[in-house]
């Protein structure tokens, strides 16, 4: 049974927007009427069939003929002959002599009742791929896959929301909002969709629109801790620390088990000059992280910074050491640890911190100056 493996760029073949592709001429060539098993290479290395198809047309062309046929390049989904040639060289590094032969073939998807093998849900398969790409931070590819899945159901709220999430992470905030609004038309009582619009506006720096969207979410559910947390973050960005603290406290009255909320509360308390209270909040945040088997470098570093400000240098160093266990190359943490050592007159230990930074970042001005100060004090 001939097998056709799709790559991420072949999304148009998967959705049916295109039905022509290319492969090297093998010892067993394809013929019209052949059945194809079409797979997608899943990142976990498992292979799951997407669909079965039947070959409808086959042409054999040489490499030289292919790379000079601009219409063929367009039919195959390439923007230019250069892109086609580069992809062929990458895919078939040993097959780009002028006379090397390739098969250009078309196919048609077969209805599931004509499949010889087990039937799968194509939409589910594409969503699975999109979810994996999203978790890996490959937001552009993930967005393409979600859009492909949307071809099977234009009114899928989950897909519209996930496309918006990808676009937000890609910095395309206007397009993200459009997708969230499409989802809201389908689910007008979903507070998370309104809140996602607020997040997009917040990232764009449009705080008033962020507040407006967040208010829409709170009208639907005034006790949703996620929405309340983001309300606090919006006020924090507006430097309205008293209101931000009010909302973080409100979240903690509903659910006091989220370390991120405790960490943000500690940050706000620091901004308000309440360092001792901030330390208690950081301790709670760290305690919850440890209970959940999480080790958050940012929380340890934030507590260390507070202790540094309180001139409790030895305790600050302990916090920085804990932060460096999971973020050992962070130049800010290393520099701050070095400063704490300087305050304790531990200049050799301080120099070690600044040297680590300069090995990674030779032009780091803080590390350069602070190391010179240490050397002057030896």
Protein backbone atom coordinates (compact mmCIF):
# COMPACT_ATOMS: atom_id res chain seq x y z
CA UNK A 1 0.00 0.00 0.00
CA UNK A 2 1.67 3.30 -1.06
CA UNK A 3 2.05 5.76 1.82
CA UNK A 4 2.01 9.55 1.55
CA UNK A 5 3.55 11.43 4.49
CA UNK A 6 2.51 15.03 5.02
CA UNK A 7 4.67 17.78 6.51
CA UNK A 8 3.44 20.91 8.28
CA UNK A 9 3.57 22.90 5.04
CA UNK A 10 1.19 20.42 3.40
CA UNK A 11 -1.85 21.70 5.28
CA UNK A 12 -3.62 22.56 1.98
CA UNK A 13 -3.36 18.92 0.91
CA UNK A 14 -4.86 17.80 4.19
CA UNK A 15 -7.84 20.17 4.02
CA UNK A 16 -8.46 19.52 0.32
CA UNK A 17 -7.62 23.02 -0.92
CA UNK A 18 -4.94 21.38 -3.06
CA UNK A 19 -4.77 17.83 -4.42
CA UNK A 20 -1.50 17.77 -6.35
CA UNK A 21 1.93 16.96 -4.94
CA UNK A 22 5.35 15.64 -5.89
CA UNK A 23 7.71 12.84 -4.92
CA UNK A 24 10.86 11.24 -6.28
CA UNK A 25 10.30 8.44 -8.82
CA UNK A 26 10.78 5.27 -6.79
CA UNK A 27 11.52 1.75 -8.00
CA UNK A 28 7.82 1.07 -7.54
CA UNK A 29 6.18 4.09 -9.16
CA UNK A 30 2.66 5.32 -8.55
CA UNK A 31 -0.02 4.59 -11.12
CA UNK A 32 -3.46 6.03 -11.72
CA UNK A 33 -5.97 4.17 -9.57
CA UNK A 34 -3.48 3.36 -6.79
CA UNK A 35 -4.79 3.74 -3.25
CA UNK A 36 -2.82 5.99 -0.90
CA UNK A 37 -2.63 5.85 2.89
CA UNK A 38 -2.04 9.45 3.93
CA UNK A 39 -0.28 10.14 7.23
CA UNK A 40 0.91 13.11 9.24
CA UNK A 41 4.22 12.88 11.07
CA UNK A 42 3.15 13.62 14.64
CA UNK A 43 5.84 15.25 16.79
CA UNK A 44 5.62 12.41 19.33
CA UNK A 45 6.87 10.16 16.49
CA UNK A 46 3.60 8.26 16.29
CA UNK A 47 2.00 8.12 12.88
CA UNK A 48 -1.74 8.26 12.52
CA UNK A 49 -3.59 7.99 9.26
CA UNK A 50 -5.45 11.10 8.16
CA UNK A 51 -7.34 9.68 5.21
CA UNK A 52 -7.22 7.29 2.27
CA UNK A 53 -7.07 8.56 -1.29
CA UNK A 54 -6.96 7.38 -4.89
CA UNK A 55 -4.37 8.57 -7.42
CA UNK A 56 -6.18 10.25 -10.32
CA UNK A 57 -3.31 11.46 -12.53
CA UNK A 58 0.46 10.94 -12.74
CA UNK A 59 3.12 12.78 -14.74
CA UNK A 60 6.85 12.09 -14.77
CA UNK A 61 9.11 15.13 -15.13
CA UNK A 62 12.84 15.70 -14.76
CA UNK A 63 14.31 17.90 -12.07
CA UNK A 64 15.32 20.45 -14.70
CA UNK A 65 11.80 20.60 -16.15
CA UNK A 66 10.27 21.06 -12.71
CA UNK A 67 12.46 23.93 -11.52
CA UNK A 68 11.68 25.94 -14.67
CA UNK A 69 7.89 25.49 -14.61
CA UNK A 70 6.40 28.43 -12.69
CA UNK A 71 2.78 27.21 -13.13
CA UNK A 72 3.68 23.85 -11.64
CA UNK A 73 5.37 25.58 -8.70
CA UNK A 74 2.16 27.50 -8.03
CA UNK A 75 0.02 24.35 -8.39
CA UNK A 76 2.25 22.64 -5.83
CA UNK A 77 1.69 25.45 -3.33
CA UNK A 78 5.01 27.29 -3.69
CA UNK A 79 5.27 31.07 -3.91
CA UNK A 80 8.15 30.96 -6.39
CA UNK A 81 10.39 28.65 -8.39
CA UNK A 82 13.20 29.44 -5.95
CA UNK A 83 11.10 28.17 -3.03
CA UNK A 84 10.27 24.99 -4.97
CA UNK A 85 13.91 24.37 -5.86
CA UNK A 86 15.11 24.99 -2.29
CA UNK A 87 12.50 22.59 -0.89
CA UNK A 88 13.38 19.85 -3.37
CA UNK A 89 17.07 20.15 -2.51
CA UNK A 90 16.23 19.96 1.18
CA UNK A 91 13.85 17.01 0.83
CA UNK A 92 15.91 15.09 -1.75
CA UNK A 93 19.55 16.14 -1.20
CA UNK A 94 20.84 13.39 -3.52
CA UNK A 95 18.36 13.90 -6.33
CA UNK A 96 18.83 17.26 -7.99
CA UNK A 97 20.72 16.36 -11.14
CA UNK A 98 19.06 17.65 -14.31
CA UNK A 99 17.87 14.20 -15.39
CA UNK A 100 16.62 12.97 -12.00
CA UNK A 101 12.96 12.02 -12.38
CA UNK A 102 10.01 12.90 -10.15
CA UNK A 103 6.34 12.01 -10.15
CA UNK A 104 3.79 14.82 -10.01
CA UNK A 105 0.46 13.29 -9.13
CA UNK A 106 -3.08 14.26 -8.22
CA UNK A 107 -5.38 12.36 -5.89
CA UNK A 108 -8.91 12.44 -4.55
CA UNK A 109 -9.92 11.72 -0.98
CA UNK A 110 -12.07 8.63 -0.56
CA UNK A 111 -15.25 8.68 1.52
CA UNK A 112 -14.74 6.89 4.83
CA UNK A 113 -17.13 4.11 3.82
CA UNK A 114 -14.65 3.20 1.05
CA UNK A 115 -11.61 3.00 3.33
CA UNK A 116 -9.84 -0.32 3.62
CA UNK A 117 -8.28 0.56 6.99
CA UNK A 118 -9.73 1.93 10.25
CA UNK A 119 -11.60 5.25 10.06
CA UNK A 120 -10.38 8.27 12.04
CA UNK A 121 -11.73 11.75 12.70
CA UNK A 122 -9.67 14.10 10.52
CA UNK A 123 -10.70 17.23 12.39
CA UNK A 124 -9.70 15.68 15.72
CA UNK A 125 -6.34 14.66 14.28
CA UNK A 126 -5.59 18.19 13.04
CA UNK A 127 -6.61 19.72 16.38
CA UNK A 128 -4.31 17.27 18.16
CA UNK A 129 -1.44 18.42 15.96
CA UNK A 130 -2.33 22.08 16.56
CA UNK A 131 -2.44 21.57 20.33
CA UNK A 132 1.02 19.98 20.31
CA UNK A 133 2.47 22.85 18.27
CA UNK A 134 0.85 25.38 20.61
CA UNK A 135 2.42 23.75 23.67
CA UNK A 136 5.80 23.81 21.92
CA UNK A 137 5.45 27.54 21.30
CA UNK A 138 5.19 27.15 17.52
CA UNK A 139 2.27 29.55 17.34
CA UNK A 140 2.31 30.30 13.62
CA UNK A 141 2.20 26.63 12.64
CA UNK A 142 -0.37 25.94 15.34
CA UNK A 143 -2.59 28.72 14.03
CA UNK A 144 -2.42 27.28 10.51
CA UNK A 145 -3.54 23.89 11.82
CA UNK A 146 -6.42 25.34 13.84
CA UNK A 147 -7.57 27.24 10.75
CA UNK A 148 -7.40 23.99 8.78
CA UNK A 149 -9.57 22.26 11.39
CA UNK A 150 -11.98 25.19 11.17
CA UNK A 151 -12.65 24.21 7.54
CA UNK A 152 -14.57 21.21 8.90
CA UNK A 153 -16.75 23.38 11.17
CA UNK A 154 -16.81 27.17 10.76
CA UNK A 155 -18.69 27.61 14.05
CA UNK A 156 -16.33 25.78 16.40
CA UNK A 157 -15.82 28.15 19.34
CA UNK A 158 -12.81 26.23 20.66
CA UNK A 159 -10.96 26.65 17.37
CA UNK A 160 -11.79 30.35 17.03
CA UNK A 161 -10.57 30.91 20.58
CA UNK A 162 -7.34 28.96 20.03
CA UNK A 163 -6.60 30.85 16.83
CA UNK A 164 -7.02 34.04 18.85
CA UNK A 165 -4.64 32.69 21.50
CA UNK A 166 -2.00 31.99 18.85
CA UNK A 167 -2.41 35.40 17.25
CA UNK A 168 -2.09 37.11 20.64
CA UNK A 169 1.21 35.33 21.23
CA UNK A 170 2.36 36.34 17.76
CA UNK A 171 1.61 39.98 18.57
CA UNK A 172 -1.26 40.17 16.06
CA UNK A 173 -3.67 41.59 18.61
CA UNK A 174 -6.23 43.08 16.21
CA UNK A 175 -6.70 39.78 14.37
CA UNK A 176 -6.85 37.95 17.69
CA UNK A 177 -9.71 40.19 18.87
CA UNK A 178 -11.60 39.52 15.62
CA UNK A 179 -11.47 35.77 16.23
CA UNK A 180 -12.54 36.13 19.86
CA UNK A 181 -15.49 38.28 18.76
CA UNK A 182 -16.52 35.63 16.22
CA UNK A 183 -16.48 33.10 19.05
CA UNK A 184 -18.56 35.42 21.26
CA UNK A 185 -21.29 35.55 18.61
CA UNK A 186 -21.56 31.78 19.03
CA UNK A 187 -21.17 31.74 22.82
CA UNK A 188 -22.22 35.17 24.14
CA UNK A 189 -22.19 33.99 27.78
CA UNK A 190 -18.60 32.72 27.77
CA UNK A 191 -16.69 35.07 30.10
CA UNK A 192 -13.32 33.59 29.10
CA UNK A 193 -13.74 34.92 25.55
CA UNK A 194 -14.32 38.46 26.82
CA UNK A 195 -11.33 38.10 29.12
CA UNK A 196 -9.15 36.92 26.23
CA UNK A 197 -10.08 40.10 24.38
CA UNK A 198 -9.01 42.02 27.49
CA UNK A 199 -5.65 40.20 27.48
CA UNK A 200 -5.10 41.05 23.80
CA UNK A 201 -5.83 44.74 24.44
CA UNK A 202 -3.63 44.70 27.54
CA UNK A 203 -0.71 43.30 25.53
CA UNK A 204 -1.31 45.98 22.89
CA UNK A 205 -1.14 48.65 25.59
CA UNK A 206 -4.77 49.70 25.22
CA UNK A 207 -5.66 49.57 28.92
CA UNK A 208 -9.07 51.26 28.71
CA UNK A 209 -10.33 48.75 26.14
CA UNK A 210 -8.83 45.98 28.26
CA UNK A 211 -10.85 47.21 31.25
CA UNK A 212 -13.99 47.41 29.12
CA UNK A 213 -13.63 43.83 27.87
CA UNK A 214 -12.77 42.55 31.34
CA UNK A 215 -15.88 44.30 32.70
CA UNK A 216 -17.92 42.38 30.12
CA UNK A 217 -16.48 39.15 31.47
CA UNK A 218 -17.25 40.11 35.09
CA UNK A 219 -20.86 40.91 34.18
CA UNK A 220 -21.23 37.28 33.14
CA UNK A 221 -19.41 35.81 36.16
CA UNK A 222 -18.23 38.12 38.92
CA UNK A 223 -16.55 35.29 40.85
CA UNK A 224 -14.40 33.86 38.08
CA UNK A 225 -10.91 33.93 39.62
CA UNK A 226 -9.15 34.03 36.25
CA UNK A 227 -11.09 37.12 35.18
CA UNK A 228 -10.57 38.78 38.58
CA UNK A 229 -6.83 38.04 38.45
CA UNK A 230 -6.52 39.73 35.06
CA UNK A 231 -8.52 42.68 36.39
CA UNK A 232 -5.82 43.09 39.01
CA UNK A 233 -3.09 42.87 36.36
CA UNK A 234 -4.76 45.59 34.29
CA UNK A 235 -4.87 47.92 37.30
CA UNK A 236 -1.24 47.03 38.03
CA UNK A 237 -0.29 48.11 34.50
CA UNK A 238 -2.21 51.35 35.11
CA UNK A 239 -0.13 51.85 38.30
CA UNK A 240 -3.35 51.76 40.32
CA UNK A 241 -1.81 49.50 42.94
CA UNK A 242 -4.51 49.90 45.57
CA UNK A 243 -7.20 48.64 43.19
CA UNK A 244 -4.91 45.89 41.91
CA UNK A 245 -4.34 44.70 45.49
CA UNK A 246 -8.08 44.77 46.13
CA UNK A 247 -8.73 42.37 43.24
CA UNK A 248 -5.87 40.02 44.12
CA UNK A 249 -7.24 39.85 47.67
CA UNK A 250 -10.69 39.14 46.28
CA UNK A 251 -9.28 36.23 44.25
CA UNK A 252 -7.54 34.83 47.33
CA UNK A 253 -10.74 34.97 49.36
CA UNK A 254 -12.34 32.73 46.74
CA UNK A 255 -9.30 30.48 46.16
CA UNK A 256 -6.06 30.92 48.08
CA UNK A 257 -4.17 28.07 46.37
CA UNK A 258 -2.80 29.85 43.28
CA UNK A 259 0.90 30.75 43.69
CA UNK A 260 0.76 33.25 40.80
CA UNK A 261 -1.83 35.36 42.62
CA UNK A 262 0.23 35.38 45.83
CA UNK A 263 3.28 36.37 43.79
CA UNK A 264 1.44 39.28 42.16
CA UNK A 265 0.09 40.38 45.54
CA UNK A 266 3.66 40.40 46.86
CA UNK A 267 4.78 42.50 43.90
CA UNK A 268 2.03 45.04 44.58
CA UNK A 269 2.87 45.17 48.30
CA UNK A 270 6.46 45.94 47.33
CA UNK A 271 5.25 48.74 45.09
CA UNK A 272 3.31 50.15 48.04
CA UNK A 273 6.40 49.99 50.25
CA UNK A 274 5.05 47.15 52.40
CA UNK A 275 8.11 44.91 52.17
CA UNK A 276 7.47 42.79 55.26
CA UNK A 277 3.94 41.95 54.07
CA UNK A 278 5.36 41.25 50.63
CA UNK A 279 7.76 38.70 52.12
CA UNK A 280 4.86 36.83 53.71
CA UNK A 281 3.06 36.73 50.36
CA UNK A 282 6.22 35.50 48.59
CA UNK A 283 6.60 32.79 51.24
CA UNK A 284 3.03 31.64 50.61
CA UNK A 285 3.62 31.64 46.86
CA UNK A 286 6.79 29.58 47.21
CA UNK A 287 5.12 27.19 49.66
CA UNK A 288 2.34 26.51 47.15
CA UNK A 289 4.87 25.98 44.35
CA UNK A 290 6.73 23.42 46.45
CA UNK A 291 3.46 21.70 47.40
CA UNK A 292 2.65 21.41 43.71
CA UNK A 293 6.20 20.25 42.91
CA UNK A 294 6.88 23.45 41.02
CA UNK A 295 10.06 25.44 41.45
CA UNK A 296 9.49 28.94 40.16
CA UNK A 297 12.70 30.92 39.68
CA UNK A 298 10.83 34.20 39.37
CA UNK A 299 9.17 33.82 42.77
CA UNK A 300 12.45 32.98 44.51
CA UNK A 301 14.18 35.88 42.75
CA UNK A 302 11.38 38.30 43.67
CA UNK A 303 11.63 37.32 47.32
CA UNK A 304 15.40 37.71 47.11
CA UNK A 305 15.02 41.22 45.70
CA UNK A 306 12.72 42.16 48.58
CA UNK A 307 15.21 40.83 51.13
CA UNK A 308 17.98 42.72 49.34
CA UNK A 309 15.98 45.91 49.74
CA UNK A 310 15.55 45.13 53.45
CA UNK A 311 19.34 44.64 53.74
CA UNK A 312 18.87 40.98 54.71
CA UNK A 313 21.64 39.92 52.37
CA UNK A 314 22.36 36.38 53.57
CA UNK A 315 18.69 35.45 53.24
CA UNK A 316 18.58 37.08 49.82
CA UNK A 317 21.50 34.92 48.65
CA UNK A 318 19.64 31.76 49.71
CA UNK A 319 16.66 32.85 47.62
CA UNK A 320 18.85 33.62 44.60
CA UNK A 321 20.49 30.20 44.91
CA UNK A 322 17.06 28.58 44.83
CA UNK A 323 16.12 30.65 41.78
CA UNK A 324 19.33 29.66 39.99
CA UNK A 325 18.55 25.97 40.43
CA UNK A 326 15.98 26.27 37.65
CA UNK A 327 17.28 29.38 35.85
CA UNK A 328 21.04 29.14 36.26
CA UNK A 329 21.94 31.40 33.34
CA UNK A 330 19.75 34.37 34.31
CA UNK A 331 22.06 37.44 34.32
CA UNK A 332 19.74 39.55 36.50
CA UNK A 333 19.60 36.94 39.25
CA UNK A 334 23.37 36.41 39.10
CA UNK A 335 24.05 40.15 39.25
CA UNK A 336 21.71 40.60 42.21
CA UNK A 337 23.32 37.70 44.01
CA UNK A 338 26.69 39.34 43.38
CA UNK A 339 25.41 42.61 44.87
CA UNK A 340 24.27 40.77 48.00
CA UNK A 341 27.75 39.25 48.35
CA UNK A 342 29.32 42.70 47.91
CA UNK A 343 27.20 44.08 50.75
CA UNK A 344 28.57 41.28 52.94
CA UNK A 345 32.13 42.09 51.76
CA UNK A 346 32.32 38.67 50.08
CA UNK A 347 34.09 40.14 47.06
CA UNK A 348 35.52 36.86 45.74
CA UNK A 349 32.03 35.30 45.67
CA UNK A 350 30.64 38.46 44.08
CA UNK A 351 33.31 38.38 41.35
CA UNK A 352 32.38 34.77 40.61
CA UNK A 353 28.76 35.85 40.00
CA UNK A 354 29.71 38.76 37.75
CA UNK A 355 32.21 36.63 35.82
CA UNK A 356 29.50 34.08 35.03
CA UNK A 357 27.39 36.87 33.58
CA UNK A 358 30.27 38.26 31.51
CA UNK A 359 31.10 34.84 30.06
CA UNK A 360 27.57 34.70 28.65
CA UNK A 361 27.05 38.43 28.07
CA UNK A 362 30.45 40.16 27.65
CA UNK A 363 28.82 43.58 27.17
CA UNK A 364 26.62 43.46 30.28
CA UNK A 365 27.34 46.92 31.79
CA UNK A 366 26.18 46.08 35.32
CA UNK A 367 28.44 43.06 35.58
CA UNK A 368 31.38 45.00 34.12
CA UNK A 369 31.11 47.90 36.58
CA UNK A 370 30.35 45.77 39.64
CA UNK A 371 33.24 43.42 38.94
CA UNK A 372 35.61 46.40 38.70
CA UNK A 373 34.33 47.68 42.06
CA UNK A 374 34.98 44.27 43.61
CA UNK A 375 38.51 44.11 42.19
CA UNK A 376 39.23 47.55 43.66
CA UNK A 377 38.20 46.27 47.09
CA UNK A 378 40.41 43.18 47.12
